[in-house]
Amino acid sequence: YCPDHLRTVFKQHYGLSPLQYRNRKRMTHAMELIANSDLTIKEIAAKLGFKHNTHFCIQFKRTFNITAGEAIKRFRQYRGDGS
């Protein structure tokens, strides 16, 4: 199959382009890491394959409408483990 055909079939099946799907999965994983780890923003960005923290932070804000720093403050305080 040619790449264009695969993209079309993927979008028909999932309702998203492969790039949109990948970005959504990355951001979902980012939120899981924020909520369930003590990793820094820089560590999370690197773990998810971002070359620059800024690109990660822009994508995170675009996806969740809060900054990664705000998410850390909001979700880590409710874990109950003193983090």
Protein backbone atom coordinates (compact mmCIF):
# COMPACT_ATOMS: atom_id res chain seq x y z
CA TYR A 1 0.00 0.00 0.00
CA CYS A 2 1.09 3.54 -0.60
CA PRO A 3 1.39 5.91 2.40
CA ASP A 4 -1.57 8.02 1.27
CA HIS A 5 -3.84 4.99 1.13
CA LEU A 6 -2.73 3.84 4.59
CA ARG A 7 -3.40 7.31 6.03
CA THR A 8 -6.88 7.30 4.48
CA VAL A 9 -7.72 3.84 5.83
CA PHE A 10 -6.33 4.76 9.26
CA LYS A 11 -8.41 7.93 9.39
CA GLN A 12 -11.55 6.08 8.32
CA HIS A 13 -11.01 3.48 11.04
CA TYR A 14 -9.88 5.71 13.94
CA GLY A 15 -11.38 9.08 12.98
CA LEU A 16 -7.95 10.71 13.30
CA SER A 17 -4.89 11.00 11.12
CA PRO A 18 -1.92 8.89 12.24
CA LEU A 19 -0.18 12.07 13.45
CA GLN A 20 -3.21 13.20 15.46
CA TYR A 21 -3.50 9.72 16.95
CA ARG A 22 0.18 9.67 17.93
CA ASN A 23 -0.03 13.12 19.48
CA ARG A 24 -3.12 12.19 21.47
CA LYS A 25 -1.42 9.05 22.79
CA ARG A 26 1.71 11.03 23.71
CA MET A 27 -0.29 13.62 25.63
CA THR A 28 -2.34 10.97 27.42
CA HIS A 29 0.91 9.32 28.48
CA ALA A 30 2.26 12.72 29.55
CA MET A 31 -0.74 13.28 31.81
CA GLU A 32 -0.30 9.80 33.30
CA LEU A 33 3.36 10.55 34.04
CA ILE A 34 2.47 13.89 35.60
CA ALA A 35 -0.17 12.34 37.82
CA ASN A 36 1.67 9.15 38.76
CA SER A 37 5.37 9.97 38.90
CA ASP A 38 7.76 12.51 40.32
CA LEU A 39 9.41 13.22 36.97
CA THR A 40 10.12 16.82 36.02
CA ILE A 41 8.65 18.43 32.92
CA LYS A 42 12.05 18.14 31.27
CA GLU A 43 12.24 14.41 32.07
CA ILE A 44 8.70 13.78 30.82
CA ALA A 45 9.37 15.66 27.58
CA ALA A 46 12.54 13.64 26.97
CA LYS A 47 10.80 10.37 27.83
CA LEU A 48 8.11 11.12 25.25
CA GLY A 49 10.64 11.96 22.55
CA PHE A 50 10.42 15.74 22.49
CA LYS A 51 13.73 17.38 21.61
CA HIS A 52 12.74 20.66 23.25
CA ASN A 53 10.76 21.23 26.44
CA THR A 54 9.08 24.19 24.80
CA HIS A 55 7.52 22.00 22.11
CA PHE A 56 6.23 19.62 24.77
CA CYS A 57 4.77 22.47 26.83
CA ILE A 58 3.04 24.01 23.81
CA GLN A 59 1.50 20.68 22.81
CA PHE A 60 0.44 19.94 26.39
CA LYS A 61 -1.27 23.33 26.78
CA ARG A 62 -2.97 22.94 23.38
CA THR A 63 -4.28 19.50 24.35
CA PHE A 64 -5.39 20.05 27.95
CA ASN A 65 -5.81 23.85 28.14
CA ILE A 66 -3.57 24.01 31.22
CA THR A 67 0.20 24.13 31.43
CA ALA A 68 2.22 21.09 32.43
CA GLY A 69 3.31 22.99 35.56
CA GLU A 70 -0.30 23.64 36.54
CA ALA A 71 -1.11 19.97 35.97
CA ILE A 72 1.75 18.94 38.25
CA LYS A 73 0.52 21.25 41.00
CA ARG A 74 -3.08 20.14 40.56
CA PHE A 75 -2.67 16.37 40.29
CA ARG A 76 0.35 15.62 42.44
CA GLN A 77 -1.09 17.30 45.52
CA TYR A 78 -3.99 14.82 45.51
CA ARG A 79 -1.87 11.66 45.40
CA GLY A 80 -1.60 11.57 49.17
CA ASP A 81 2.01 10.42 49.20
CA GLY A 82 3.47 13.74 50.23
CA SER A 83 4.67 14.68 46.73
